[in-house]
PDB file of N, CA and C in Angstrom:
ATOM      1  N   LEU A   1     -37.569  18.771 -55.419  1.00  0.00           N
ATOM      2  CA  LEU A   1     -36.381  17.975 -55.699  1.00  0.00           C
ATOM      3  C   LEU A   1     -35.148  18.861 -55.767  1.00  0.00           C
ATOM      4  N   LEU A   2     -34.028  18.302 -55.347  1.00  0.00           N
ATOM      5  CA  LEU A   2     -32.761  19.012 -55.443  1.00  0.00           C
ATOM      6  C   LEU A   2     -32.320  19.049 -56.895  1.00  0.00           C
ATOM      7  N   ASN A   3     -31.642  20.103 -57.282  1.00  0.00           N
ATOM      8  CA  ASN A   3     -31.130  20.212 -58.638  1.00  0.00           C
ATOM      9  C   ASN A   3     -29.602  20.165 -58.586  1.00  0.00           C
ATOM     10  N   CYS A   4     -29.098  19.136 -57.932  1.00  0.00           N
ATOM     11  CA  CYS A   4     -27.655  18.963 -57.779  1.00  0.00           C
ATOM     12  C   CYS A   4     -27.368  17.472 -57.609  1.00  0.00           C
ATOM     13  N   PRO A   5     -26.119  17.081 -57.826  1.00  0.00           N
ATOM     14  CA  PRO A   5     -25.775  15.678 -57.595  1.00  0.00           C
ATOM     15  C   PRO A   5     -25.837  15.355 -56.100  1.00  0.00           C
ATOM     16  N   VAL A   6     -26.158  14.114 -55.801  1.00  0.00           N
ATOM     17  CA  VAL A   6     -26.180  13.644 -54.409  1.00  0.00           C
ATOM     18  C   VAL A   6     -25.316  12.386 -54.325  1.00  0.00           C
ATOM     19  N   HIS A   7     -24.388  12.407 -53.384  1.00  0.00           N
ATOM     20  CA  HIS A   7     -23.540  11.246 -53.125  1.00  0.00           C
ATOM     21  C   HIS A   7     -23.746  10.861 -51.667  1.00  0.00           C
ATOM     22  N   VAL A   8     -24.209   9.648 -51.428  1.00  0.00           N
ATOM     23  CA  VAL A   8     -24.530   9.179 -50.081  1.00  0.00           C
ATOM     24  C   VAL A   8     -23.420   8.254 -49.591  1.00  0.00           C
ATOM     25  N   LEU A   9     -23.037   8.452 -48.348  1.00  0.00           N
ATOM     26  CA  LEU A   9     -22.072   7.575 -47.696  1.00  0.00           C
ATOM     27  C   LEU A   9     -22.802   6.783 -46.621  1.00  0.00           C
ATOM     28  N   GLY A  10     -22.496   5.506 -46.523  1.00  0.00           N
ATOM     29  CA  GLY A  10     -23.146   4.671 -45.524  1.00  0.00           C
ATOM     30  C   GLY A  10     -22.178   3.686 -44.909  1.00  0.00           C
ATOM     31  N   GLY A  11     -22.531   3.209 -43.718  1.00  0.00           N
ATOM     32  CA  GLY A  11     -21.749   2.182 -43.039  1.00  0.00           C
ATOM     33  C   GLY A  11     -22.341   0.807 -43.316  1.00  0.00           C
ATOM     34  N   LYS A  12     -21.503  -0.115 -43.703  1.00  0.00           N
ATOM     35  CA  LYS A  12     -21.979  -1.464 -44.056  1.00  0.00           C
ATOM     36  C   LYS A  12     -22.664  -2.175 -42.898  1.00  0.00           C
ATOM     37  N   GLU A  13     -22.279  -1.850 -41.671  1.00  0.00           N
ATOM     38  CA  GLU A  13     -22.873  -2.500 -40.514  1.00  0.00           C
ATOM     39  C   GLU A  13     -23.964  -1.646 -39.869  1.00  0.00           C
ATOM     40  N   ASP A  14     -24.342  -0.555 -40.494  1.00  0.00           N
ATOM     41  CA  ASP A  14     -25.412   0.306 -39.984  1.00  0.00           C
ATOM     42  C   ASP A  14     -26.752  -0.381 -40.239  1.00  0.00           C
ATOM     43  N   ARG A  15     -27.774   0.058 -39.515  1.00  0.00           N
ATOM     44  CA  ARG A  15     -29.120  -0.489 -39.735  1.00  0.00           C
ATOM     45  C   ARG A  15     -29.682  -0.044 -41.072  1.00  0.00           C
ATOM     46  N   ALA A  16     -29.266   1.117 -41.555  1.00  0.00           N
ATOM     47  CA  ALA A  16     -29.723   1.590 -42.868  1.00  0.00           C
ATOM     48  C   ALA A  16     -29.022   0.762 -43.947  1.00  0.00           C
ATOM     49  N   THR A  17     -29.816   0.096 -44.763  1.00  0.00           N
ATOM     50  CA  THR A  17     -29.257  -0.758 -45.802  1.00  0.00           C
ATOM     51  C   THR A  17     -28.906   0.063 -47.043  1.00  0.00           C
ATOM     52  N   THR A  18     -28.134  -0.535 -47.922  1.00  0.00           N
ATOM     53  CA  THR A  18     -27.800   0.121 -49.186  1.00  0.00           C
ATOM     54  C   THR A  18     -29.077   0.484 -49.933  1.00  0.00           C
ATOM     55  N   GLU A  19     -30.041  -0.414 -49.930  1.00  0.00           N
ATOM     56  CA  GLU A  19     -31.307  -0.164 -50.625  1.00  0.00           C
ATOM     57  C   GLU A  19     -32.024   1.054 -50.044  1.00  0.00           C
ATOM     58  N   GLN A  20     -31.983   1.198 -48.734  1.00  0.00           N
ATOM     59  CA  GLN A  20     -32.610   2.362 -48.103  1.00  0.00           C
ATOM     60  C   GLN A  20     -31.879   3.648 -48.480  1.00  0.00           C
ATOM     61  N   LEU A  21     -30.568   3.575 -48.505  1.00  0.00           N
ATOM     62  CA  LEU A  21     -29.789   4.764 -48.876  1.00  0.00           C
ATOM     63  C   LEU A  21     -30.026   5.153 -50.335  1.00  0.00           C
ATOM     64  N   ILE A  22     -30.235   4.171 -51.184  1.00  0.00           N
ATOM     65  CA  ILE A  22     -30.529   4.450 -52.584  1.00  0.00           C
ATOM     66  C   ILE A  22     -31.824   5.243 -52.709  1.00  0.00           C
ATOM     67  N   GLY A  23     -32.696   5.162 -51.715  1.00  0.00           N
ATOM     68  CA  GLY A  23     -33.923   5.939 -51.704  1.00  0.00           C
ATOM     69  C   GLY A  23     -33.679   7.435 -51.833  1.00  0.00           C
ATOM     70  N   TRP A  24     -32.510   7.899 -51.411  1.00  0.00           N
ATOM     71  CA  TRP A  24     -32.171   9.322 -51.559  1.00  0.00           C
ATOM     72  C   TRP A  24     -32.125   9.736 -53.029  1.00  0.00           C
ATOM     73  N   SER A  25     -31.993   8.788 -53.922  1.00  0.00           N
ATOM     74  CA  SER A  25     -31.942   9.127 -55.355  1.00  0.00           C
ATOM     75  C   SER A  25     -33.240   9.777 -55.827  1.00  0.00           C
ATOM     76  N   LYS A  26     -34.325   9.533 -55.108  1.00  0.00           N
ATOM     77  CA  LYS A  26     -35.618  10.113 -55.473  1.00  0.00           C
ATOM     78  C   LYS A  26     -35.706  11.595 -55.097  1.00  0.00           C
ATOM     79  N   GLU A  27     -34.692  12.105 -54.400  1.00  0.00           N
ATOM     80  CA  GLU A  27     -34.718  13.481 -53.914  1.00  0.00           C
ATOM     81  C   GLU A  27     -33.932  14.454 -54.791  1.00  0.00           C
ATOM     82  N   THR A  28     -33.390  13.970 -55.915  1.00  0.00           N
ATOM     83  CA  THR A  28     -32.576  14.837 -56.760  1.00  0.00           C
ATOM     84  C   THR A  28     -32.879  14.645 -58.239  1.00  0.00           C
ATOM     85  N   LEU A  29     -32.728  15.715 -58.972  1.00  0.00           N
ATOM     86  CA  LEU A  29     -32.796  15.661 -60.434  1.00  0.00           C
ATOM     87  C   LEU A  29     -31.406  15.412 -61.000  1.00  0.00           C
ATOM     88  N   GLY A  30     -30.381  15.573 -60.163  1.00  0.00           N
ATOM     89  CA  GLY A  30     -28.993  15.398 -60.577  1.00  0.00           C
ATOM     90  C   GLY A  30     -28.562  13.946 -60.490  1.00  0.00           C
ATOM     91  N   SER A  31     -27.273  13.740 -60.676  1.00  0.00           N
ATOM     92  CA  SER A  31     -26.724  12.390 -60.597  1.00  0.00           C
ATOM     93  C   SER A  31     -26.778  11.897 -59.151  1.00  0.00           C
ATOM     94  N   PHE A  32     -26.668  10.587 -58.996  1.00  0.00           N
ATOM     95  CA  PHE A  32     -26.744   9.976 -57.672  1.00  0.00           C
ATOM     96  C   PHE A  32     -25.745   8.836 -57.587  1.00  0.00           C
ATOM     97  N   SER A  33     -25.078   8.732 -56.434  1.00  0.00           N
ATOM     98  CA  SER A  33     -24.160   7.619 -56.202  1.00  0.00           C
ATOM     99  C   SER A  33     -24.093   7.317 -54.703  1.00  0.00           C
ATOM    100  N   VAL A  34     -23.618   6.117 -54.393  1.00  0.00           N
ATOM    101  CA  VAL A  34     -23.526   5.652 -53.000  1.00  0.00           C
ATOM    102  C   VAL A  34     -22.164   5.006 -52.789  1.00  0.00           C
ATOM    103  N   ASP A  35     -21.560   5.265 -51.649  1.00  0.00           N
ATOM    104  CA  ASP A  35     -20.357   4.564 -51.198  1.00  0.00           C
ATOM    105  C   ASP A  35     -20.664   3.941 -49.847  1.00  0.00           C
ATOM    106  N   MET A  36     -20.388   2.664 -49.717  1.00  0.00           N
ATOM    107  CA  MET A  36     -20.556   1.976 -48.440  1.00  0.00           C
ATOM    108  C   MET A  36     -19.174   1.678 -47.872  1.00  0.00           C
ATOM    109  N   MET A  37     -18.999   2.003 -46.601  1.00  0.00           N
ATOM    110  CA  MET A  37     -17.720   1.788 -45.929  1.00  0.00           C
ATOM    111  C   MET A  37     -17.925   0.864 -44.739  1.00  0.00           C
ATOM    112  N   THR A  38     -16.867   0.177 -44.340  1.00  0.00           N
ATOM    113  CA  THR A  38     -16.982  -0.692 -43.183  1.00  0.00           C
ATOM    114  C   THR A  38     -17.309   0.146 -41.956  1.00  0.00           C
ATOM    115  N   GLY A  39     -18.071  -0.441 -41.073  1.00  0.00           N
ATOM    116  CA  GLY A  39     -18.431   0.246 -39.841  1.00  0.00           C
ATOM    117  C   GLY A  39     -19.925   0.446 -39.719  1.00  0.00           C
ATOM    118  N   GLY A  40     -20.321   0.949 -38.574  1.00  0.00           N
ATOM    119  CA  GLY A  40     -21.731   1.176 -38.290  1.00  0.00           C
ATOM    120  C   GLY A  40     -22.147   2.600 -38.588  1.00  0.00           C
ATOM    121  N   HIS A  41     -23.071   3.102 -37.779  1.00  0.00           N
ATOM    122  CA  HIS A  41     -23.646   4.425 -38.004  1.00  0.00           C
ATOM    123  C   HIS A  41     -22.591   5.537 -37.952  1.00  0.00           C
ATOM    124  N   PHE A  42     -21.564   5.352 -37.135  1.00  0.00           N
ATOM    125  CA  PHE A  42     -20.530   6.373 -36.986  1.00  0.00           C
ATOM    126  C   PHE A  42     -19.253   6.010 -37.737  1.00  0.00           C
ATOM    127  N   PHE A  43     -19.410   5.351 -38.882  1.00  0.00           N
ATOM    128  CA  PHE A  43     -18.267   4.945 -39.704  1.00  0.00           C
ATOM    129  C   PHE A  43     -17.380   6.132 -40.070  1.00  0.00           C
ATOM    130  N   ILE A  44     -17.962   7.342 -40.105  1.00  0.00           N
ATOM    131  CA  ILE A  44     -17.173   8.510 -40.515  1.00  0.00           C
ATOM    132  C   ILE A  44     -16.012   8.770 -39.568  1.00  0.00           C
ATOM    133  N   HIS A  45     -16.144   8.365 -38.318  1.00  0.00           N
ATOM    134  CA  HIS A  45     -15.050   8.549 -37.362  1.00  0.00           C
ATOM    135  C   HIS A  45     -13.916   7.564 -37.636  1.00  0.00           C
ATOM    136  N   GLU A  46     -14.276   6.379 -38.103  1.00  0.00           N
ATOM    137  CA  GLU A  46     -13.277   5.348 -38.399  1.00  0.00           C
ATOM    138  C   GLU A  46     -12.573   5.614 -39.721  1.00  0.00           C
ATOM    139  N   HIS A  47     -13.237   6.319 -40.628  1.00  0.00           N
ATOM    140  CA  HIS A  47     -12.718   6.542 -41.984  1.00  0.00           C
ATOM    141  C   HIS A  47     -12.681   8.024 -42.338  1.00  0.00           C
ATOM    142  N   GLU A  48     -12.302   8.836 -41.372  1.00  0.00           N
ATOM    143  CA  GLU A  48     -12.367  10.285 -41.556  1.00  0.00           C
ATOM    144  C   GLU A  48     -11.623  10.744 -42.816  1.00  0.00           C
ATOM    145  N   ALA A  49     -10.411  10.286 -43.017  1.00  0.00           N
ATOM    146  CA  ALA A  49      -9.623  10.719 -44.178  1.00  0.00           C
ATOM    147  C   ALA A  49     -10.304  10.289 -45.481  1.00  0.00           C
ATOM    148  N   ARG A  50     -10.816   9.072 -45.523  1.00  0.00           N
ATOM    149  CA  ARG A  50     -11.486   8.583 -46.737  1.00  0.00           C
ATOM    150  C   ARG A  50     -12.776   9.368 -46.997  1.00  0.00           C
ATOM    151  N   VAL A  51     -13.528   9.663 -45.953  1.00  0.00           N
ATOM    152  CA  VAL A  51     -14.765  10.431 -46.106  1.00  0.00           C
ATOM    153  C   VAL A  51     -14.448  11.810 -46.680  1.00  0.00           C
ATOM    154  N   ILE A  52     -13.459  12.483 -46.123  1.00  0.00           N
ATOM    155  CA  ILE A  52     -13.090  13.813 -46.600  1.00  0.00           C
ATOM    156  C   ILE A  52     -12.593  13.744 -48.036  1.00  0.00           C
ATOM    157  N   ARG A  53     -11.777  12.756 -48.353  1.00  0.00           N
ATOM    158  CA  ARG A  53     -11.261  12.581 -49.713  1.00  0.00           C
ATOM    159  C   ARG A  53     -12.406  12.336 -50.700  1.00  0.00           C
ATOM    160  N   THR A  54     -13.379  11.522 -50.305  1.00  0.00           N
ATOM    161  CA  THR A  54     -14.528  11.224 -51.163  1.00  0.00           C
ATOM    162  C   THR A  54     -15.348  12.482 -51.423  1.00  0.00           C
ATOM    163  N   ILE A  55     -15.620  13.237 -50.378  1.00  0.00           N
ATOM    164  CA  ILE A  55     -16.384  14.481 -50.542  1.00  0.00           C
ATOM    165  C   ILE A  55     -15.627  15.446 -51.438  1.00  0.00           C
ATOM    166  N   LYS A  56     -14.326  15.606 -51.195  1.00  0.00           N
ATOM    167  CA  LYS A  56     -13.494  16.511 -51.992  1.00  0.00           C
ATOM    168  C   LYS A  56     -13.512  16.104 -53.463  1.00  0.00           C
ATOM    169  N   THR A  57     -13.351  14.832 -53.733  1.00  0.00           N
ATOM    170  CA  THR A  57     -13.339  14.345 -55.114  1.00  0.00           C
ATOM    171  C   THR A  57     -14.664  14.631 -55.802  1.00  0.00           C
ATOM    172  N   HIS A  58     -15.772  14.352 -55.141  1.00  0.00           N
ATOM    173  CA  HIS A  58     -17.086  14.583 -55.749  1.00  0.00           C
ATOM    174  C   HIS A  58     -17.345  16.075 -55.969  1.00  0.00           C
ATOM    175  N   LEU A  59     -16.902  16.910 -55.048  1.00  0.00           N
ATOM    176  CA  LEU A  59     -17.069  18.355 -55.230  1.00  0.00           C
ATOM    177  C   LEU A  59     -16.215  18.864 -56.386  1.00  0.00           C
ATOM    178  N   GLU A  60     -14.998  18.346 -56.524  1.00  0.00           N
ATOM    179  CA  GLU A  60     -14.129  18.761 -57.629  1.00  0.00           C
ATOM    180  C   GLU A  60     -14.728  18.377 -58.972  1.00  0.00           C
ATOM    181  N   VAL A  61     -15.256  17.171 -59.073  1.00  0.00           N
ATOM    182  CA  VAL A  61     -15.885  16.723 -60.320  1.00  0.00           C
ATOM    183  C   VAL A  61     -17.081  17.615 -60.643  1.00  0.00           C
ATOM    184  N   HIS A  62     -17.921  17.885 -59.650  1.00  0.00           N
ATOM    185  CA  HIS A  62     -19.085  18.749 -59.857  1.00  0.00           C
ATOM    186  C   HIS A  62     -18.640  20.149 -60.288  1.00  0.00           C
ATOM    187  N   HIS A  63     -17.613  20.671 -59.644  1.00  0.00           N
ATOM    188  CA  HIS A  63     -17.117  22.005 -59.977  1.00  0.00           C
ATOM    189  C   HIS A  63     -16.605  22.061 -61.413  1.00  0.00           C
ATOM    190  N   ARG A  64     -15.835  21.050 -61.828  1.00  0.00           N
ATOM    191  CA  ARG A  64     -15.325  21.008 -63.210  1.00  0.00           C
ATOM    192  C   ARG A  64     -16.465  20.962 -64.212  1.00  0.00           C
ATOM    193  N   ARG A  65     -17.459  20.125 -63.967  1.00  0.00           N
ATOM    194  CA  ARG A  65     -18.596  20.021 -64.880  1.00  0.00           C
ATOM    195  C   ARG A  65     -19.355  21.335 -64.948  1.00  0.00           C
ATOM    196  N   HIS A  66     -19.560  21.954 -63.794  1.00  0.00           N
ATOM    197  CA  HIS A  66     -20.286  23.227 -63.749  1.00  0.00           C
ATOM    198  C   HIS A  66     -19.501  24.326 -64.470  1.00  0.00           C
ATOM    199  N   ALA A  67     -18.185  24.343 -64.280  1.00  0.00           N
ATOM    200  CA  ALA A  67     -17.345  25.349 -64.928  1.00  0.00           C
ATOM    201  C   ALA A  67     -17.355  25.156 -66.446  1.00  0.00           C
ATOM    202  N   GLN A  68     -17.314  23.914 -66.914  1.00  0.00           N
ATOM    203  CA  GLN A  68     -17.347  23.639 -68.354  1.00  0.00           C
ATOM    204  C   GLN A  68     -18.663  24.058 -68.953  1.00  0.00           C
ATOM    205  N   ALA A  69     -19.750  23.804 -68.243  1.00  0.00           N
ATOM    206  CA  ALA A  69     -21.081  24.157 -68.735  1.00  0.00           C
ATOM    207  C   ALA A  69     -21.259  25.666 -68.787  1.00  0.00           C
ATOM    208  N   ALA A  70     -20.579  26.388 -67.908  1.00  0.00           N
ATOM    209  CA  ALA A  70     -20.721  27.845 -67.851  1.00  0.00           C
ATOM    210  C   ALA A  70     -19.800  28.561 -68.835  1.00  0.00           C
ATOM    211  N   THR A  71     -18.852  27.834 -69.432  1.00  0.00           N
ATOM    212  CA  THR A  71     -17.925  28.439 -70.388  1.00  0.00           C
ATOM    213  C   THR A  71     -18.640  28.698 -71.704  1.00  0.00           C
ATOM    214  N   PRO A  72     -18.659  29.957 -72.156  1.00  0.00           N
ATOM    215  CA  PRO A  72     -19.346  30.257 -73.417  1.00  0.00           C
ATOM    216  C   PRO A  72     -18.617  29.657 -74.610  1.00  0.00           C
ATOM    217  N   ALA A  73     -19.380  29.167 -75.547  1.00  0.00           N
ATOM    218  CA  ALA A  73     -18.819  28.619 -76.791  1.00  0.00           C
ATOM    219  C   ALA A  73     -18.674  29.749 -77.801  1.00  0.00           C
ATOM    220  N   PHE A  74     -17.529  29.834 -78.436  1.00  0.00           N
ATOM    221  CA  PHE A  74     -17.295  30.874 -79.423  1.00  0.00           C
ATOM    222  C   PHE A  74     -17.295  30.299 -80.817  1.00  0.00           C
TER     223      PHE A  74
END
């Protein structure tokens, strides 16, 4: 199992359903979330800016949490 958060992006019109994408939650010990966007399998091309923004936001949150956990308590 992965020891990190997993955030899955999916296309609402793709053959992979939300329920199938939620199956990725079984692959991590960390947090799990899903975002569904309009479009099919290649929705990332239609929503490139949103996809990048979503990834950036999730990485920033993970980084802040990791940095706080690594800060020694005095």
